[in-house]
PDB file of all heavy atoms in Angstrom:
ATOM      1  N   LEU A   1      -5.247  11.618  10.429  1.00  0.00           N
ATOM      2  CA  LEU A   1      -4.437  12.676   9.850  1.00  0.00           C
ATOM      3  C   LEU A   1      -3.157  12.091   9.260  1.00  0.00           C
ATOM      4  O   LEU A   1      -2.669  11.055   9.714  1.00  0.00           O
ATOM      5  CB  LEU A   1      -4.101  13.709  10.940  1.00  0.00           C
ATOM      6  CG  LEU A   1      -5.309  14.447  11.537  1.00  0.00           C
ATOM      7  CD1 LEU A   1      -4.853  15.353  12.675  1.00  0.00           C
ATOM      8  CD2 LEU A   1      -6.026  15.266  10.480  1.00  0.00           C
ATOM      9  N   PRO A   2      -2.585  12.749   8.242  1.00  0.00           N
ATOM     10  CA  PRO A   2      -3.084  13.981   7.617  1.00  0.00           C
ATOM     11  C   PRO A   2      -4.174  13.667   6.583  1.00  0.00           C
ATOM     12  O   PRO A   2      -4.084  12.671   5.881  1.00  0.00           O
ATOM     13  CB  PRO A   2      -1.842  14.547   6.928  1.00  0.00           C
ATOM     14  CG  PRO A   2      -1.034  13.337   6.594  1.00  0.00           C
ATOM     15  CD  PRO A   2      -1.280  12.343   7.694  1.00  0.00           C
ATOM     16  N   PRO A   3      -5.188  14.505   6.475  1.00  0.00           N
ATOM     17  CA  PRO A   3      -6.292  14.215   5.554  1.00  0.00           C
ATOM     18  C   PRO A   3      -5.876  14.265   4.089  1.00  0.00           C
ATOM     19  O   PRO A   3      -6.540  13.668   3.245  1.00  0.00           O
ATOM     20  CB  PRO A   3      -7.310  15.320   5.872  1.00  0.00           C
ATOM     21  CG  PRO A   3      -6.505  16.423   6.488  1.00  0.00           C
ATOM     22  CD  PRO A   3      -5.413  15.743   7.237  1.00  0.00           C
ATOM     23  N   ASN A   4      -4.782  14.969   3.784  1.00  0.00           N
ATOM     24  CA  ASN A   4      -4.322  15.073   2.396  1.00  0.00           C
ATOM     25  C   ASN A   4      -3.075  14.222   2.151  1.00  0.00           C
ATOM     26  O   ASN A   4      -2.214  14.580   1.355  1.00  0.00           O
ATOM     27  CB  ASN A   4      -4.024  16.535   2.035  1.00  0.00           C
ATOM     28  CG  ASN A   4      -5.304  17.333   1.845  1.00  0.00           C
ATOM     29  OD1 ASN A   4      -6.334  16.769   1.503  1.00  0.00           O
ATOM     30  ND2 ASN A   4      -5.234  18.625   2.073  1.00  0.00           N
ATOM     31  N   ARG A   5      -3.006  13.085   2.823  1.00  0.00           N
ATOM     32  CA  ARG A   5      -1.811  12.247   2.699  1.00  0.00           C
ATOM     33  C   ARG A   5      -1.461  11.919   1.255  1.00  0.00           C
ATOM     34  O   ARG A   5      -0.309  11.936   0.855  1.00  0.00           O
ATOM     35  CB  ARG A   5      -2.003  10.940   3.486  1.00  0.00           C
ATOM     36  CG  ARG A   5      -0.790  10.024   3.418  1.00  0.00           C
ATOM     37  CD  ARG A   5      -1.071   8.658   4.007  1.00  0.00           C
ATOM     38  NE  ARG A   5      -1.880   7.821   3.127  1.00  0.00           N
ATOM     39  CZ  ARG A   5      -2.225   6.575   3.432  1.00  0.00           C
ATOM     40  NH1 ARG A   5      -1.877   6.049   4.599  1.00  0.00           N
ATOM     41  NH2 ARG A   5      -2.947   5.859   2.577  1.00  0.00           N
ATOM     42  N   GLY A   6      -2.457  11.584   0.478  1.00  0.00           N
ATOM     43  CA  GLY A   6      -2.198  11.123  -0.881  1.00  0.00           C
ATOM     44  C   GLY A   6      -2.136  12.212  -1.928  1.00  0.00           C
ATOM     45  O   GLY A   6      -1.933  11.922  -3.110  1.00  0.00           O
ATOM     46  N   ARG A   7      -2.312  13.466  -1.526  1.00  0.00           N
ATOM     47  CA  ARG A   7      -2.354  14.555  -2.505  1.00  0.00           C
ATOM     48  C   ARG A   7      -1.038  14.656  -3.261  1.00  0.00           C
ATOM     49  O   ARG A   7       0.044  14.623  -2.664  1.00  0.00           O
ATOM     50  CB  ARG A   7      -2.643  15.881  -1.789  1.00  0.00           C
ATOM     51  CG  ARG A   7      -2.880  17.034  -2.725  1.00  0.00           C
ATOM     52  CD  ARG A   7      -3.160  18.307  -1.940  1.00  0.00           C
ATOM     53  NE  ARG A   7      -3.503  19.402  -2.828  1.00  0.00           N
ATOM     54  CZ  ARG A   7      -3.710  20.653  -2.434  1.00  0.00           C
ATOM     55  NH1 ARG A   7      -3.606  20.960  -1.150  1.00  0.00           N
ATOM     56  NH2 ARG A   7      -4.018  21.591  -3.293  1.00  0.00           N
ATOM     57  N   TYR A   8      -1.144  14.773  -4.590  1.00  0.00           N
ATOM     58  CA  TYR A   8       0.031  14.827  -5.477  1.00  0.00           C
ATOM     59  C   TYR A   8       0.913  13.592  -5.303  1.00  0.00           C
ATOM     60  O   TYR A   8       2.127  13.662  -5.363  1.00  0.00           O
ATOM     61  CB  TYR A   8       0.847  16.116  -5.242  1.00  0.00           C
ATOM     62  CG  TYR A   8       0.039  17.365  -5.389  1.00  0.00           C
ATOM     63  CD1 TYR A   8       0.155  18.394  -4.472  1.00  0.00           C
ATOM     64  CD2 TYR A   8      -0.880  17.508  -6.427  1.00  0.00           C
ATOM     65  CE1 TYR A   8      -0.606  19.549  -4.590  1.00  0.00           C
ATOM     66  CE2 TYR A   8      -1.646  18.656  -6.553  1.00  0.00           C
ATOM     67  CZ  TYR A   8      -1.501  19.665  -5.637  1.00  0.00           C
ATOM     68  OH  TYR A   8      -2.264  20.800  -5.754  1.00  0.00           O
ATOM     69  N   TYR A   9       0.273  12.474  -5.050  1.00  0.00           N
ATOM     70  CA  TYR A   9       1.002  11.215  -4.883  1.00  0.00           C
ATOM     71  C   TYR A   9       1.926  10.989  -6.070  1.00  0.00           C
ATOM     72  O   TYR A   9       1.534  11.209  -7.211  1.00  0.00           O
ATOM     73  CB  TYR A   9      -0.025  10.082  -4.800  1.00  0.00           C
ATOM     74  CG  TYR A   9       0.311   8.994  -3.811  1.00  0.00           C
ATOM     75  CD1 TYR A   9       0.503   9.302  -2.469  1.00  0.00           C
ATOM     76  CD2 TYR A   9       0.410   7.671  -4.209  1.00  0.00           C
ATOM     77  CE1 TYR A   9       0.780   8.308  -1.559  1.00  0.00           C
ATOM     78  CE2 TYR A   9       0.675   6.665  -3.297  1.00  0.00           C
ATOM     79  CZ  TYR A   9       0.868   6.992  -1.961  1.00  0.00           C
ATOM     80  OH  TYR A   9       1.136   6.006  -1.067  1.00  0.00           O
ATOM     81  N   ASN A  10       3.132  10.554  -5.788  1.00  0.00           N
ATOM     82  CA  ASN A  10       4.125  10.384  -6.855  1.00  0.00           C
ATOM     83  C   ASN A  10       3.868   9.080  -7.610  1.00  0.00           C
ATOM     84  O   ASN A  10       4.686   8.173  -7.613  1.00  0.00           O
ATOM     85  CB  ASN A  10       5.533  10.402  -6.260  1.00  0.00           C
ATOM     86  CG  ASN A  10       6.599  10.424  -7.332  1.00  0.00           C
ATOM     87  OD1 ASN A  10       6.356  10.846  -8.455  1.00  0.00           O
ATOM     88  ND2 ASN A  10       7.781   9.961  -6.988  1.00  0.00           N
ATOM     89  N   HIS A  11       2.699   8.983  -8.218  1.00  0.00           N
ATOM     90  CA  HIS A  11       2.294   7.763  -8.907  1.00  0.00           C
ATOM     91  C   HIS A  11       1.916   8.021 -10.358  1.00  0.00           C
ATOM     92  O   HIS A  11       1.239   7.219 -10.967  1.00  0.00           O
ATOM     93  CB  HIS A  11       1.098   7.120  -8.182  1.00  0.00           C
ATOM     94  CG  HIS A  11       1.516   6.199  -7.079  1.00  0.00           C
ATOM     95  ND1 HIS A  11       0.648   5.335  -6.473  1.00  0.00           N
ATOM     96  CD2 HIS A  11       2.706   6.002  -6.488  1.00  0.00           C
ATOM     97  CE1 HIS A  11       1.280   4.641  -5.543  1.00  0.00           C
ATOM     98  NE2 HIS A  11       2.527   5.033  -5.526  1.00  0.00           N
ATOM     99  N   SER A  12       2.323   9.163 -10.910  1.00  0.00           N
ATOM    100  CA  SER A  12       1.884   9.470 -12.260  1.00  0.00           C
ATOM    101  C   SER A  12       3.037   9.928 -13.123  1.00  0.00           C
ATOM    102  O   SER A  12       3.766  10.845 -12.765  1.00  0.00           O
ATOM    103  CB  SER A  12       0.804  10.558 -12.232  1.00  0.00           C
ATOM    104  OG  SER A  12       0.473  10.932 -13.550  1.00  0.00           O
ATOM    105  N   GLY A  13       3.199   9.280 -14.261  1.00  0.00           N
ATOM    106  CA  GLY A  13       4.151   9.732 -15.271  1.00  0.00           C
ATOM    107  C   GLY A  13       3.410  10.375 -16.418  1.00  0.00           C
ATOM    108  O   GLY A  13       3.738  10.145 -17.576  1.00  0.00           O
ATOM    109  N   TYR A  14       2.417  11.183 -16.097  1.00  0.00           N
ATOM    110  CA  TYR A  14       1.478  11.676 -17.105  1.00  0.00           C
ATOM    111  C   TYR A  14       2.183  12.400 -18.253  1.00  0.00           C
ATOM    112  O   TYR A  14       1.875  12.179 -19.422  1.00  0.00           O
ATOM    113  CB  TYR A  14       0.443  12.600 -16.456  1.00  0.00           C
ATOM    114  CG  TYR A  14      -0.658  13.016 -17.395  1.00  0.00           C
ATOM    115  CD1 TYR A  14      -1.736  12.174 -17.640  1.00  0.00           C
ATOM    116  CD2 TYR A  14      -0.618  14.238 -18.046  1.00  0.00           C
ATOM    117  CE1 TYR A  14      -2.755  12.543 -18.502  1.00  0.00           C
ATOM    118  CE2 TYR A  14      -1.638  14.619 -18.918  1.00  0.00           C
ATOM    119  CZ  TYR A  14      -2.697  13.759 -19.141  1.00  0.00           C
ATOM    120  OH  TYR A  14      -3.693  14.121 -20.000  1.00  0.00           O
ATOM    121  N   ALA A  15       3.126  13.294 -17.937  1.00  0.00           N
ATOM    122  CA  ALA A  15       3.789  14.062 -19.000  1.00  0.00           C
ATOM    123  C   ALA A  15       4.511  13.132 -19.974  1.00  0.00           C
ATOM    124  O   ALA A  15       4.507  13.354 -21.187  1.00  0.00           O
ATOM    125  CB  ALA A  15       4.771  15.064 -18.398  1.00  0.00           C
ATOM    126  N   ASP A  16       5.118  12.074 -19.448  1.00  0.00           N
ATOM    127  CA  ASP A  16       5.834  11.140 -20.312  1.00  0.00           C
ATOM    128  C   ASP A  16       4.892  10.412 -21.258  1.00  0.00           C
ATOM    129  O   ASP A  16       5.258  10.080 -22.386  1.00  0.00           O
ATOM    130  CB  ASP A  16       6.620  10.137 -19.465  1.00  0.00           C
ATOM    131  CG  ASP A  16       7.569   9.296 -20.305  1.00  0.00           C
ATOM    132  OD1 ASP A  16       8.384   9.891 -21.027  1.00  0.00           O
ATOM    133  OD2 ASP A  16       7.473   8.064 -20.254  1.00  0.00           O
ATOM    134  N   LEU A  17       3.669  10.161 -20.778  1.00  0.00           N
ATOM    135  CA  LEU A  17       2.682   9.499 -21.637  1.00  0.00           C
ATOM    136  C   LEU A  17       2.326  10.369 -22.834  1.00  0.00           C
ATOM    137  O   LEU A  17       2.011   9.854 -23.911  1.00  0.00           O
ATOM    138  CB  LEU A  17       1.424   9.174 -20.838  1.00  0.00           C
ATOM    139  CG  LEU A  17       1.613   8.259 -19.616  1.00  0.00           C
ATOM    140  CD1 LEU A  17       0.312   8.132 -18.851  1.00  0.00           C
ATOM    141  CD2 LEU A  17       2.149   6.892 -20.030  1.00  0.00           C
ATOM    142  N   ILE A  18       2.365  11.688 -22.645  1.00  0.00           N
ATOM    143  CA  ILE A  18       2.107  12.607 -23.743  1.00  0.00           C
ATOM    144  C   ILE A  18       3.316  12.679 -24.672  1.00  0.00           C
ATOM    145  O   ILE A  18       3.198  12.571 -25.900  1.00  0.00           O
ATOM    146  CB  ILE A  18       1.781  14.023 -23.207  1.00  0.00           C
ATOM    147  CG1 ILE A  18       0.563  13.987 -22.267  1.00  0.00           C
ATOM    148  CG2 ILE A  18       1.560  14.999 -24.359  1.00  0.00           C
ATOM    149  CD1 ILE A  18      -0.727  13.575 -22.909  1.00  0.00           C
ATOM    150  N   ILE A  19       4.514  12.830 -24.068  1.00  0.00           N
ATOM    151  CA  ILE A  19       5.722  13.094 -24.865  1.00  0.00           C
ATOM    152  C   ILE A  19       6.157  11.866 -25.662  1.00  0.00           C
ATOM    153  O   ILE A  19       6.368  11.939 -26.871  1.00  0.00           O
ATOM    154  CB  ILE A  19       6.864  13.584 -23.950  1.00  0.00           C
ATOM    155  CG1 ILE A  19       6.489  14.940 -23.332  1.00  0.00           C
ATOM    156  CG2 ILE A  19       8.170  13.709 -24.730  1.00  0.00           C
ATOM    157  CD1 ILE A  19       7.405  15.377 -22.207  1.00  0.00           C
ATOM    158  N   THR A  20       6.299  10.725 -24.987  1.00  0.00           N
ATOM    159  CA  THR A  20       6.804   9.535 -25.684  1.00  0.00           C
ATOM    160  C   THR A  20       5.695   8.675 -26.266  1.00  0.00           C
ATOM    161  O   THR A  20       5.949   7.877 -27.165  1.00  0.00           O
ATOM    162  CB  THR A  20       7.660   8.662 -24.745  1.00  0.00           C
ATOM    163  OG1 THR A  20       6.829   8.134 -23.697  1.00  0.00           O
ATOM    164  CG2 THR A  20       8.795   9.465 -24.135  1.00  0.00           C
ATOM    165  N   GLY A  21       4.464   8.837 -25.742  1.00  0.00           N
ATOM    166  CA  GLY A  21       3.350   8.032 -26.221  1.00  0.00           C
ATOM    167  C   GLY A  21       2.511   8.744 -27.254  1.00  0.00           C
ATOM    168  O   GLY A  21       2.618   8.487 -28.454  1.00  0.00           O
ATOM    169  N   LEU A  22       1.696   9.682 -26.808  1.00  0.00           N
ATOM    170  CA  LEU A  22       0.733  10.331 -27.706  1.00  0.00           C
ATOM    171  C   LEU A  22       1.429  11.072 -28.845  1.00  0.00           C
ATOM    172  O   LEU A  22       1.061  10.940 -30.011  1.00  0.00           O
ATOM    173  CB  LEU A  22      -0.147  11.285 -26.911  1.00  0.00           C
ATOM    174  CG  LEU A  22      -1.402  11.784 -27.631  1.00  0.00           C
ATOM    175  CD1 LEU A  22      -2.390  10.640 -27.852  1.00  0.00           C
ATOM    176  CD2 LEU A  22      -2.071  12.907 -26.849  1.00  0.00           C
ATOM    177  N   ILE A  23       2.462  11.867 -28.511  1.00  0.00           N
ATOM    178  CA  ILE A  23       3.193  12.603 -29.544  1.00  0.00           C
ATOM    179  C   ILE A  23       4.290  11.739 -30.157  1.00  0.00           C
ATOM    180  O   ILE A  23       4.609  11.878 -31.336  1.00  0.00           O
ATOM    181  CB  ILE A  23       3.727  13.925 -28.969  1.00  0.00           C
ATOM    182  CG1 ILE A  23       2.532  14.837 -28.645  1.00  0.00           C
ATOM    183  CG2 ILE A  23       4.697  14.611 -29.925  1.00  0.00           C
ATOM    184  CD1 ILE A  23       2.885  16.134 -27.966  1.00  0.00           C
ATOM    185  N   GLY A  24       4.858  10.846 -29.372  1.00  0.00           N
ATOM    186  CA  GLY A  24       5.655   9.776 -29.965  1.00  0.00           C
ATOM    187  C   GLY A  24       7.138  10.008 -30.130  1.00  0.00           C
ATOM    188  O   GLY A  24       7.751   9.415 -31.016  1.00  0.00           O
ATOM    189  N   ILE A  25       7.757  10.837 -29.282  1.00  0.00           N
ATOM    190  CA  ILE A  25       9.223  10.938 -29.315  1.00  0.00           C
ATOM    191  C   ILE A  25       9.783   9.684 -28.660  1.00  0.00           C
ATOM    192  O   ILE A  25       9.652   9.486 -27.458  1.00  0.00           O
ATOM    193  CB  ILE A  25       9.719  12.200 -28.570  1.00  0.00           C
ATOM    194  CG1 ILE A  25       9.172  13.465 -29.229  1.00  0.00           C
ATOM    195  CG2 ILE A  25      11.238  12.227 -28.531  1.00  0.00           C
ATOM    196  CD1 ILE A  25       9.552  14.745 -28.505  1.00  0.00           C
ATOM    197  N   ARG A  26      10.409   8.840 -29.461  1.00  0.00           N
ATOM    198  CA  ARG A  26      10.931   7.566 -28.948  1.00  0.00           C
ATOM    199  C   ARG A  26      12.461   7.651 -28.886  1.00  0.00           C
ATOM    200  O   ARG A  26      13.139   7.547 -29.907  1.00  0.00           O
ATOM    201  CB  ARG A  26      10.496   6.415 -29.852  1.00  0.00           C
ATOM    202  CG  ARG A  26       9.000   6.330 -30.082  1.00  0.00           C
ATOM    203  CD  ARG A  26       8.229   5.990 -28.818  1.00  0.00           C
ATOM    204  NE  ARG A  26       8.133   4.561 -28.600  1.00  0.00           N
ATOM    205  CZ  ARG A  26       7.459   4.014 -27.590  1.00  0.00           C
ATOM    206  NH1 ARG A  26       6.850   4.780 -26.724  1.00  0.00           N
ATOM    207  NH2 ARG A  26       7.422   2.721 -27.442  1.00  0.00           N
ATOM    208  N   PRO A  27      13.031   7.875 -27.686  1.00  0.00           N
ATOM    209  CA  PRO A  27      14.486   8.041 -27.561  1.00  0.00           C
ATOM    210  C   PRO A  27      15.257   6.839 -28.059  1.00  0.00           C
ATOM    211  O   PRO A  27      14.793   5.702 -28.007  1.00  0.00           O
ATOM    212  CB  PRO A  27      14.678   8.224 -26.049  1.00  0.00           C
ATOM    213  CG  PRO A  27      13.370   8.750 -25.561  1.00  0.00           C
ATOM    214  CD  PRO A  27      12.340   8.052 -26.406  1.00  0.00           C
ATOM    215  N   SER A  28      16.462   7.094 -28.559  1.00  0.00           N
ATOM    216  CA  SER A  28      17.302   6.021 -29.066  1.00  0.00           C
ATOM    217  C   SER A  28      18.762   6.320 -28.763  1.00  0.00           C
ATOM    218  O   SER A  28      19.122   7.452 -28.445  1.00  0.00           O
ATOM    219  CB  SER A  28      17.069   5.830 -30.558  1.00  0.00           C
ATOM    220  OG  SER A  28      18.091   6.328 -31.331  1.00  0.00           O
ATOM    221  N   ALA A  29      19.593   5.282 -28.845  1.00  0.00           N
ATOM    222  CA  ALA A  29      21.010   5.427 -28.509  1.00  0.00           C
ATOM    223  C   ALA A  29      21.805   6.083 -29.624  1.00  0.00           C
ATOM    224  O   ALA A  29      22.893   6.610 -29.379  1.00  0.00           O
ATOM    225  CB  ALA A  29      21.606   4.052 -28.186  1.00  0.00           C
ATOM    226  N   ASP A  30      21.292   6.075 -30.833  1.00  0.00           N
ATOM    227  CA  ASP A  30      22.064   6.658 -31.926  1.00  0.00           C
ATOM    228  C   ASP A  30      21.538   8.048 -32.257  1.00  0.00           C
ATOM    229  O   ASP A  30      20.707   8.613 -31.558  1.00  0.00           O
ATOM    230  CB  ASP A  30      22.081   5.736 -33.158  1.00  0.00           C
ATOM    231  CG  ASP A  30      20.692   5.508 -33.747  1.00  0.00           C
ATOM    232  OD1 ASP A  30      19.812   6.370 -33.541  1.00  0.00           O
ATOM    233  OD2 ASP A  30      20.485   4.491 -34.417  1.00  0.00           O
ATOM    234  N   GLU A  31      22.057   8.617 -33.331  1.00  0.00           N
ATOM    235  CA  GLU A  31      21.743  10.003 -33.680  1.00  0.00           C
ATOM    236  C   GLU A  31      20.481  10.139 -34.524  1.00  0.00           C
ATOM    237  O   GLU A  31      20.136  11.239 -34.959  1.00  0.00           O
ATOM    238  CB  GLU A  31      22.932  10.638 -34.424  1.00  0.00           C
ATOM    239  CG  GLU A  31      23.371   9.887 -35.652  1.00  0.00           C
ATOM    240  CD  GLU A  31      24.450   8.851 -35.374  1.00  0.00           C
ATOM    241  OE1 GLU A  31      24.485   8.301 -34.254  1.00  0.00           O
ATOM    242  OE2 GLU A  31      25.248   8.574 -36.277  1.00  0.00           O
ATOM    243  N   ARG A  32      19.803   9.036 -34.750  1.00  0.00           N
ATOM    244  CA  ARG A  32      18.552   9.088 -35.501  1.00  0.00           C
ATOM    245  C   ARG A  32      17.385   9.298 -34.543  1.00  0.00           C
ATOM    246  O   ARG A  32      17.229   8.588 -33.553  1.00  0.00           O
ATOM    247  CB  ARG A  32      18.350   7.819 -36.321  1.00  0.00           C
ATOM    248  CG  ARG A  32      17.031   7.795 -37.105  1.00  0.00           C
ATOM    249  CD  ARG A  32      17.055   6.765 -38.201  1.00  0.00           C
ATOM    250  NE  ARG A  32      17.923   7.195 -39.296  1.00  0.00           N
ATOM    251  CZ  ARG A  32      17.535   7.987 -40.284  1.00  0.00           C
ATOM    252  NH1 ARG A  32      16.306   8.463 -40.311  1.00  0.00           N
ATOM    253  NH2 ARG A  32      18.379   8.324 -41.228  1.00  0.00           N
ATOM    254  N   LEU A  33      16.561  10.288 -34.841  1.00  0.00           N
ATOM    255  CA  LEU A  33      15.387  10.611 -34.039  1.00  0.00           C
ATOM    256  C   LEU A  33      14.139  10.129 -34.770  1.00  0.00           C
ATOM    257  O   LEU A  33      13.940  10.434 -35.946  1.00  0.00           O
ATOM    258  CB  LEU A  33      15.302  12.126 -33.817  1.00  0.00           C
ATOM    259  CG  LEU A  33      13.997  12.662 -33.220  1.00  0.00           C
ATOM    260  CD1 LEU A  33      13.840  12.179 -31.779  1.00  0.00           C
ATOM    261  CD2 LEU A  33      13.966  14.182 -33.286  1.00  0.00           C
ATOM    262  N   THR A  34      13.312   9.386 -34.050  1.00  0.00           N
ATOM    263  CA  THR A  34      12.069   8.880 -34.630  1.00  0.00           C
ATOM    264  C   THR A  34      10.875   9.401 -33.839  1.00  0.00           C
ATOM    265  O   THR A  34      10.853   9.333 -32.608  1.00  0.00           O
ATOM    266  CB  THR A  34      12.051   7.343 -34.641  1.00  0.00           C
ATOM    267  OG1 THR A  34      13.141   6.863 -35.436  1.00  0.00           O
ATOM    268  CG2 THR A  34      10.744   6.822 -35.219  1.00  0.00           C
ATOM    269  N   ILE A  35       9.907   9.934 -34.543  1.00  0.00           N
ATOM    270  CA  ILE A  35       8.640  10.376 -33.957  1.00  0.00           C
ATOM    271  C   ILE A  35       7.548   9.469 -34.500  1.00  0.00           C
ATOM    272  O   ILE A  35       7.339   9.388 -35.706  1.00  0.00           O
ATOM    273  CB  ILE A  35       8.311  11.840 -34.331  1.00  0.00           C
ATOM    274  CG1 ILE A  35       9.515  12.754 -34.085  1.00  0.00           C
ATOM    275  CG2 ILE A  35       7.079  12.322 -33.582  1.00  0.00           C
ATOM    276  CD1 ILE A  35       9.811  13.038 -32.651  1.00  0.00           C
ATOM    277  N   ARG A  36       6.846   8.765 -33.584  1.00  0.00           N
ATOM    278  CA  ARG A  36       5.758   7.876 -33.991  1.00  0.00           C
ATOM    279  C   ARG A  36       4.513   8.244 -33.182  1.00  0.00           C
ATOM    280  O   ARG A  36       4.233   7.631 -32.148  1.00  0.00           O
ATOM    281  CB  ARG A  36       6.140   6.410 -33.779  1.00  0.00           C
ATOM    282  CG  ARG A  36       7.207   5.893 -34.705  1.00  0.00           C
ATOM    283  CD  ARG A  36       7.312   4.378 -34.680  1.00  0.00           C
ATOM    284  NE  ARG A  36       7.849   3.897 -33.424  1.00  0.00           N
ATOM    285  CZ  ARG A  36       9.131   3.688 -33.184  1.00  0.00           C
ATOM    286  NH1 ARG A  36      10.036   3.947 -34.132  1.00  0.00           N
ATOM    287  NH2 ARG A  36       9.553   3.246 -32.009  1.00  0.00           N
TER     288      ARG A  36
END
């Protein structure tokens, strides 16, 4: 026990992979916004 120890394990940045990767919002220090 517990049988669900690993449930919702904090090992995934899945949303970030969509936002900065697949859709491509790449944050920057200046005021220019780039979407790739």
